[in-house]
Protein backbone atom coordinates (compact mmCIF):
# COMPACT_ATOMS: atom_id res chain seq x y z
CA MET A 1 0.00 0.00 0.00
CA LYS A 2 1.22 3.55 -0.75
CA ILE A 3 0.91 5.70 2.38
CA LEU A 4 1.66 9.42 2.47
CA ILE A 5 2.28 11.19 5.80
CA ALA A 6 2.04 14.99 5.87
CA THR A 7 3.43 16.87 8.87
CA GLU A 8 5.06 20.15 9.91
CA SER A 9 7.42 18.26 12.25
CA PHE A 10 9.47 15.21 11.28
CA TYR A 11 12.85 13.65 12.08
CA PRO A 12 15.40 15.04 12.89
CA ASN A 13 13.12 17.43 14.82
CA ILE A 14 12.69 16.61 18.49
CA SER A 15 8.98 16.73 19.30
CA GLY A 16 6.17 14.32 20.05
CA VAL A 17 4.76 14.69 16.55
CA ALA A 18 8.17 14.10 14.94
CA VAL A 19 8.90 11.01 17.05
CA PHE A 20 5.45 9.51 16.45
CA SER A 21 5.49 10.20 12.71
CA TYR A 22 8.97 8.79 12.22
CA ASN A 23 8.33 5.64 14.29
CA LEU A 24 5.06 4.95 12.47
CA ALA A 25 6.58 5.54 9.02
CA LYS A 26 9.58 3.34 9.80
CA MET A 27 7.45 0.43 11.03
CA LEU A 28 5.06 0.66 8.08
CA ALA A 29 8.01 0.67 5.66
CA GLN A 30 9.55 -2.34 7.42
CA ASN A 31 6.25 -4.15 6.95
CA GLY A 32 6.40 -3.73 3.18
CA HIS A 33 4.37 -0.57 2.59
CA GLU A 34 5.61 2.27 0.40
CA LEU A 35 6.08 5.24 2.73
CA TYR A 36 6.22 8.87 1.63
CA VAL A 37 6.46 11.95 3.84
CA ILE A 38 5.91 15.64 3.10
CA ALA A 39 7.60 17.88 5.71
CA PRO A 40 9.44 21.20 5.93
CA SER A 41 13.11 21.19 4.94
CA THR A 42 15.78 21.61 7.59
CA ASN A 43 17.76 24.20 5.62
CA GLY A 44 15.04 26.32 3.98
CA ASP A 45 15.32 24.84 0.46
CA PHE A 46 13.38 22.04 -1.23
CA TYR A 47 15.10 18.65 -1.39
CA PHE A 48 14.33 14.93 -1.47
CA GLU A 49 15.90 12.31 0.79
CA LYS A 50 15.45 8.70 1.83
CA ILE A 51 15.77 7.52 5.45
CA ASP A 52 15.03 3.95 6.59
CA GLN A 53 13.13 3.18 3.33
CA ILE A 54 11.01 6.33 3.87
CA LYS A 55 10.92 8.72 0.89
CA ILE A 56 10.80 12.28 2.22
CA TYR A 57 9.91 15.43 0.29
CA ARG A 58 11.32 18.45 2.17
CA LEU A 59 9.47 21.63 1.19
CA LYS A 60 10.83 25.17 1.17
CA SER A 61 10.65 26.55 4.69
CA ARG A 62 11.53 29.32 7.12
CA GLN A 63 12.60 29.27 10.76
CA ASN A 64 9.73 28.78 13.23
CA PRO A 65 9.74 31.93 15.44
CA TRP A 66 8.30 30.02 18.43
CA ARG A 67 10.30 26.78 18.23
CA LYS A 68 14.10 26.73 18.18
CA GLY A 69 15.52 24.52 15.42
CA HIS A 70 12.12 23.93 13.79
CA PHE A 71 11.03 25.14 10.35
CA ILE A 72 7.65 26.09 8.88
CA SER A 73 6.72 25.33 5.27
CA LYS A 74 6.31 28.24 2.83
CA ALA A 75 3.27 28.41 0.51
CA PRO A 76 3.19 24.63 -0.02
CA PHE A 77 -0.04 24.23 -2.06
CA LYS A 78 1.38 23.94 -5.59
CA LYS A 79 4.27 21.68 -4.54
CA VAL A 80 2.02 19.44 -2.44
CA ALA A 81 -0.33 18.92 -5.39
CA GLN A 82 2.62 18.06 -7.62
CA ILE A 83 3.92 15.49 -5.09
CA ILE A 84 0.53 13.83 -4.62
CA ASN A 85 0.05 13.59 -8.39
CA GLU A 86 3.46 11.94 -8.63
CA VAL A 87 3.07 9.52 -5.69
CA LYS A 88 -0.63 8.64 -6.16
CA PRO A 89 -1.04 7.40 -2.54
CA ASP A 90 -3.75 4.94 -1.48
CA VAL A 91 -4.24 6.74 1.83
CA ILE A 92 -2.99 9.95 3.43
CA HIS A 93 -2.23 10.48 7.14
CA LEU A 94 -2.09 14.08 8.40
CA GLN A 95 -0.38 14.93 11.71
CA ASP A 96 -1.53 18.51 12.29
CA PRO A 97 -3.92 21.14 10.88
CA ALA A 98 -1.11 23.42 9.62
CA ALA A 99 -0.19 24.53 6.08
CA ILE A 100 1.23 21.29 4.62
CA SER A 101 -1.67 19.24 5.97
CA LEU A 102 -4.27 21.78 4.82
CA ALA A 103 -2.85 21.73 1.29
CA THR A 104 -2.71 17.92 1.37
CA LEU A 105 -6.30 17.67 2.63
CA LEU A 106 -7.65 19.90 -0.15
CA VAL A 107 -5.81 17.96 -2.88
CA ALA A 108 -6.88 14.64 -1.36
CA ARG A 109 -10.55 15.63 -1.35
CA ARG A 110 -10.33 16.75 -4.96
CA GLN A 111 -8.77 13.42 -5.95
CA LYS A 112 -10.97 11.36 -3.59
CA ILE A 113 -8.03 9.93 -1.62
CA PRO A 114 -9.03 8.78 1.89
CA VAL A 115 -7.58 10.83 4.75
CA VAL A 116 -6.70 10.00 8.36
CA VAL A 117 -5.85 12.81 10.79
CA THR A 118 -4.15 12.43 14.16
CA ASN A 119 -4.56 15.31 16.60
CA HIS A 120 -1.46 15.81 18.75
CA PHE A 121 -2.16 19.16 20.44
CA SER A 122 -4.58 21.07 22.62
CA LEU A 123 -5.67 24.69 22.34
CA ASP A 124 -3.93 25.36 25.65
CA TYR A 125 -0.66 24.73 23.80
CA VAL A 126 -1.44 27.54 21.33
CA VAL A 127 -2.55 30.13 23.88
CA SER A 128 0.47 29.37 26.12
CA TYR A 129 2.56 31.16 23.47
CA LEU A 130 0.16 34.11 23.33
CA LYS A 131 0.00 35.20 26.97
CA TRP A 132 0.06 38.88 26.01
CA LEU A 133 -3.25 38.30 24.22
CA LYS A 134 -4.97 36.86 27.31
CA PRO A 135 -7.94 39.28 27.14
CA ILE A 136 -8.90 37.79 23.76
CA HIS A 137 -7.98 34.13 24.41
CA PHE A 138 -11.70 33.28 24.20
CA VAL A 139 -11.78 34.71 20.67
CA ILE A 140 -8.67 32.77 19.66
CA ARG A 141 -10.17 29.57 21.05
CA PHE A 142 -13.43 30.15 19.17
CA ILE A 143 -11.61 30.74 15.87
CA LEU A 144 -9.38 27.69 16.33
CA ASN A 145 -12.28 25.47 17.41
CA THR A 146 -14.23 26.51 14.32
CA TYR A 147 -11.28 25.81 12.03
CA LEU A 148 -10.46 22.47 13.66
CA GLY A 149 -14.08 21.34 13.39
CA TRP A 150 -14.07 22.21 9.68
CA PHE A 151 -10.69 20.53 9.13
CA TYR A 152 -11.35 17.30 11.03
CA ASN A 153 -14.83 16.84 9.56
CA ARG A 154 -13.24 16.62 6.11
CA ALA A 155 -11.19 13.54 7.01
CA GLN A 156 -12.57 10.01 6.99
CA VAL A 157 -10.97 9.17 10.36
CA LEU A 158 -9.75 11.28 13.30
CA THR A 159 -7.51 9.68 15.92
CA CYS A 160 -6.19 11.04 19.23
CA PRO A 161 -3.46 9.60 21.47
CA SER A 162 -5.51 9.87 24.68
CA LYS A 163 -9.11 9.70 25.87
CA GLN A 164 -8.86 13.19 27.35
CA ILE A 165 -8.15 14.85 24.01
CA ALA A 166 -10.60 12.59 22.16
CA ASP A 167 -13.37 13.60 24.58
CA TYR A 168 -12.54 17.26 24.00
CA PHE A 169 -13.03 16.94 20.25
CA THR A 170 -16.09 14.70 20.61
CA ASP A 171 -17.72 17.68 22.37
CA ARG A 172 -16.94 19.87 19.35
CA HIS A 173 -19.77 18.37 17.27
CA LEU A 174 -17.63 16.30 14.96
CA LYS A 175 -19.39 14.08 12.43
CA SER A 176 -17.72 10.96 13.81
CA LYS A 177 -16.20 10.11 17.19
CA PRO A 178 -12.38 10.19 17.37
CA ILE A 179 -10.57 6.88 17.78
CA VAL A 180 -8.10 6.67 20.68
CA ILE A 181 -4.75 5.17 19.62
CA SER A 182 -1.67 5.59 21.83
CA ASN A 183 1.46 7.17 20.35
CA GLY A 184 3.19 3.99 21.48
CA VAL A 185 6.70 3.29 22.74
CA ASP A 186 9.40 0.91 21.55
CA LEU A 187 9.80 -1.56 24.42
CA GLY A 188 12.78 -3.05 22.60
CA ARG A 189 14.73 0.22 23.00
CA PHE A 190 13.44 1.59 26.30
CA MET A 191 13.77 -0.96 29.10
CA PRO A 192 14.97 -1.16 32.72
CA GLU A 193 18.58 -2.33 32.40
CA TYR A 194 21.18 -1.09 34.81
CA GLY A 195 24.55 -1.96 33.29
CA ASP A 196 25.87 1.43 32.09
CA ARG A 197 25.31 3.81 35.01
CA GLU A 198 28.99 4.67 35.49
CA SER A 199 29.58 5.81 31.90
CA VAL A 200 26.49 8.06 31.95
CA LEU A 201 27.54 9.58 35.28
CA ASN A 202 31.06 10.16 33.96
CA GLN A 203 29.76 11.73 30.73
CA TRP A 204 27.77 14.35 32.64
CA LYS A 205 30.15 14.58 35.63
CA ILE A 206 27.56 13.52 38.18
CA PRO A 207 28.73 12.18 41.59
CA ALA A 208 27.64 8.60 42.25
CA ASN A 209 25.99 9.52 45.57
CA LYS A 210 23.37 11.73 43.90
CA SER A 211 19.88 10.59 42.87
CA ILE A 212 19.10 11.68 39.33
CA LEU A 213 15.87 13.49 38.52
CA LEU A 214 15.18 13.46 34.78
CA TYR A 215 13.23 15.65 32.38
CA VAL A 216 13.25 14.90 28.63
CA GLY A 217 11.56 17.31 26.23
CA ARG A 218 11.53 20.78 24.77
CA LEU A 219 12.57 23.73 26.91
CA ASP A 220 9.74 25.94 25.76
CA VAL A 221 7.13 28.10 27.46
CA ASP A 222 4.34 25.49 27.33
CA LYS A 223 6.40 22.90 29.24
CA ASN A 224 6.26 24.65 32.66
CA ILE A 225 9.97 24.02 33.44
CA GLU A 226 10.08 26.94 35.89
CA ILE A 227 7.92 25.05 38.42
CA LEU A 228 10.36 22.14 38.34
CA LEU A 229 13.38 24.38 38.92
CA ARG A 230 11.66 26.24 41.77
CA ALA A 231 10.98 22.90 43.48
CA LEU A 232 14.67 21.94 43.56
CA PRO A 233 15.85 24.09 46.53
CA LYS A 234 13.16 22.44 48.67
CA VAL A 235 14.31 18.97 47.57
CA LEU A 236 17.99 19.86 48.06
CA ALA A 237 17.28 20.81 51.67
CA LYS A 238 16.69 17.08 52.31
CA LYS A 239 18.23 15.04 49.48
CA GLN A 240 21.36 14.85 47.33
CA ILE A 241 20.05 15.13 43.78
CA GLN A 242 21.07 16.09 40.25
CA LEU A 243 18.49 17.26 37.70
CA LEU A 244 19.19 16.30 34.09
CA LEU A 245 17.32 18.49 31.62
CA VAL A 246 17.52 16.74 28.23
CA GLY A 247 16.44 19.02 25.40
CA GLU A 248 16.63 22.51 23.96
CA GLY A 249 14.19 25.32 23.33
CA LYS A 250 13.49 29.04 23.22
CA ILE A 251 13.61 29.47 27.00
CA MET A 252 16.84 27.53 27.65
CA ASN A 253 18.88 30.66 28.45
CA GLN A 254 16.05 32.01 30.58
CA MET A 255 16.02 28.76 32.57
CA LYS A 256 19.82 28.89 32.98
CA ASP A 257 19.42 32.38 34.43
CA LEU A 258 16.77 31.07 36.84
CA VAL A 259 19.13 28.27 37.94
CA LYS A 260 21.75 30.92 38.81
CA GLU A 261 19.16 33.03 40.64
CA LEU A 262 18.11 30.01 42.72
CA LYS A 263 21.78 29.14 43.40
CA ILE A 264 21.34 25.53 42.26
CA GLU A 265 23.87 25.52 39.40
CA PRO A 266 25.89 22.55 40.75
CA ASN A 267 22.71 20.45 40.85
CA VAL A 268 21.32 21.10 37.35
CA THR A 269 22.75 19.73 34.10
CA PHE A 270 21.55 21.02 30.73
CA THR A 271 22.51 18.25 28.28
CA GLY A 272 21.22 20.00 25.19
CA GLN A 273 19.29 18.14 22.51
CA ILE A 274 19.75 14.40 22.21
CA ASP A 275 18.37 12.70 19.11
CA ASN A 276 15.48 10.38 20.03
CA GLN A 277 17.05 7.69 17.83
CA ASN A 278 20.42 8.03 19.63
CA ASN A 279 21.21 4.94 21.72
CA ASN A 280 22.45 7.18 24.54
CA LEU A 281 18.89 8.30 25.31
CA PRO A 282 17.65 4.93 26.70
CA LYS A 283 20.79 4.77 28.89
CA ILE A 284 19.97 8.16 30.40
CA TYR A 285 16.49 6.97 31.38
CA GLN A 286 18.03 3.87 32.96
CA VAL A 287 20.21 5.84 35.42
CA ALA A 288 17.39 8.09 36.66
CA ALA A 289 15.62 7.68 40.00
CA ILE A 290 12.48 9.63 39.01
CA PHE A 291 11.13 11.06 35.78
CA ILE A 292 9.37 14.42 36.04
CA ASN A 293 6.94 16.03 33.61
CA PRO A 294 5.71 19.44 34.83
CA CYS A 295 3.63 20.21 31.69
CA PRO A 296 -0.13 20.33 32.48
CA ILE A 297 -1.30 20.32 28.84
CA GLU A 298 0.18 17.11 27.40
CA THR A 299 -2.05 15.25 24.95
CA GLN A 300 -0.24 12.07 26.02
CA GLY A 301 3.53 12.38 26.60
CA ILE A 302 5.93 10.20 24.59
CA ALA A 303 8.80 10.89 27.00
CA VAL A 304 6.58 9.72 29.87
CA LEU A 305 5.94 6.47 28.00
CA GLU A 306 9.69 6.05 27.47
CA ALA A 307 10.33 6.64 31.17
CA MET A 308 7.65 4.15 32.17
CA ALA A 309 9.13 1.57 29.79
CA SER A 310 12.45 2.17 31.57
CA GLY A 311 10.84 1.18 34.88
CA LEU A 312 10.77 4.64 36.48
CA PRO A 313 8.36 6.17 38.98
CA ILE A 314 6.82 9.31 37.49
CA VAL A 315 5.98 12.66 39.09
CA ALA A 316 3.81 14.69 36.75
CA ALA A 317 1.47 17.66 36.63
CA ASN A 318 -2.15 16.81 37.32
CA GLY A 319 -3.41 18.08 33.99
CA GLY A 320 -4.02 17.25 30.35
CA ALA A 321 -3.81 13.55 29.55
CA LEU A 322 -1.07 12.74 32.09
CA PRO A 323 -3.51 11.21 34.64
CA GLU A 324 -4.25 8.51 32.05
CA LEU A 325 -0.64 7.30 32.34
CA ILE A 326 0.22 8.20 35.93
CA LYS A 327 -2.02 6.47 38.45
CA ASP A 328 -1.56 8.56 41.58
CA SER A 329 0.23 6.64 44.36
CA GLU A 330 0.58 3.59 42.08
CA ASN A 331 3.27 4.28 39.45
CA GLY A 332 4.04 7.77 40.69
CA TYR A 333 2.41 10.97 41.92
CA LEU A 334 0.43 13.78 40.35
CA PHE A 335 1.15 17.27 41.69
CA LYS A 336 -0.75 20.56 41.48
CA SER A 337 0.62 22.06 38.29
CA ASP A 338 1.31 25.53 39.73
CA ASP A 339 2.63 24.33 43.10
CA SER A 340 6.41 23.83 43.37
CA ALA A 341 6.11 22.88 47.06
CA ASP A 342 3.72 20.04 46.21
CA LEU A 343 6.09 18.85 43.47
CA ALA A 344 9.04 18.92 45.88
CA GLN A 345 7.12 16.96 48.50
CA LYS A 346 6.21 14.22 45.98
CA ILE A 347 9.83 13.91 44.84
CA ILE A 348 11.07 13.66 48.45
CA GLN A 349 8.48 10.98 49.27
CA ILE A 350 9.78 8.71 46.51
CA LEU A 351 13.46 9.37 47.22
CA SER A 352 12.88 8.61 50.91
CA ASP A 353 11.41 5.13 50.33
CA SER A 354 13.35 2.76 48.06
CA LYS A 355 10.67 0.07 48.32
CA LEU A 356 8.00 2.54 47.23
CA ALA A 357 10.18 3.68 44.30
CA GLN A 358 10.73 0.07 43.21
CA LYS A 359 7.02 -0.72 43.50
CA MET A 360 6.08 2.34 41.44
CA GLY A 361 8.66 1.51 38.78
CA GLN A 362 7.27 -2.00 38.47
CA LYS A 363 3.75 -0.59 38.11
CA SER A 364 4.99 1.69 35.31
CA LEU A 365 6.21 -1.40 33.46
CA GLU A 366 2.81 -3.07 33.84
CA ILE A 367 0.86 -0.02 32.62
CA VAL A 368 3.13 0.73 29.65
CA GLU A 369 2.75 -2.78 28.23
CA ALA A 370 -0.57 -1.69 26.68
CA HIS A 371 1.26 1.12 24.83
CA LYS A 372 3.88 -0.87 22.91
CA VAL A 373 4.44 0.62 19.49
CA GLU A 374 3.56 -2.61 17.68
CA ASN A 375 -0.04 -2.20 18.87
CA THR A 376 -0.12 1.36 17.54
CA PHE A 377 1.25 0.28 14.18
CA LYS A 378 -1.33 -2.52 13.83
CA GLU A 379 -4.23 -0.19 14.71
CA PHE A 380 -3.26 2.30 12.01
CA GLU A 381 -2.56 -0.39 9.46
CA LYS A 382 -6.07 -1.75 10.10
CA ILE A 383 -7.55 1.73 9.54
CA TYR A 384 -5.63 2.22 6.30
CA GLU A 385 -6.71 -1.18 4.97
CA GLY A 386 -10.34 -0.40 5.78
CA LEU A 387 -10.22 2.94 3.96
CA LYS A 388 -8.53 1.44 0.91
CA LYS A 389 -11.48 -0.91 0.44
């Protein structure tokens, strides 16, 4: 089957959409399907490349002003139509409602090609970047809701990675109910092995007596990193810890300034961006004591799934879709998203009880089993086959 994926974020970008799209495309290609991707270029100019049997059309682009290292496609309609006419896909899978996907949707409808859309974001994500427009957030939400309803109603199938986000769109008077399909996680890559702790500690110059707190993700305004940093002095008053912040983003320098202000520089390591396909990433999860996600607007959380697959207890904001993965007091704790003291207390509780930490890590492994990426791949393959008929 010829499958075309259209997205504004694809490998080597580091984002949930990019990781999901790449993993899905790679597995479909390995199973014998012809996989094509339309995505923005990483240098501004149009080019074609092939990665892991995936044929990728990189459209002309410009730097994304809100996301460091990401690009946005430029006027893609004519080029998208040309690519679709050349590929002649059996089914198209859109990953966002942005320019490339909009152009692809319009061409697909004209040519009667079936379309699947996966929603990966919430409106809270958009307005988090527009805080100065708070008085008119209700107008922005109305406009976006109207557009999303129009966009999603023109696809044959809408999927969401969590029940929380699916319920949100179900309430937006869609013609058909969204299907919940997890983003999935590769349990063959992310697993609880403990053989390489020393090399990871040496690489980042972390003393062996410190417990490692881990965050993996973008350092951007929507991720609520400030709450995590403000919790650290309270934790340090009782525990020897090192926070590893894996990722980059627009607010990285701002967060480094906050670390200096809080006088916690020796206890915070900014690793920079680490490619999700890099084999060092699973090793970093394996040396952590706790994984922390302070973002209250996740639509699922791929990094959380990776941490769970690595056998970690999770401390996460009580918001968005995170409560679907973190069962409070079972595989971790949920904290009040704007409360650094509550976050600190939950971290200290786990660090103070090794049996509790072990029990929570084991529960993470049990819960994540239902999210293995093979299940995700099979669900989408089933949808594609049904649309082709």
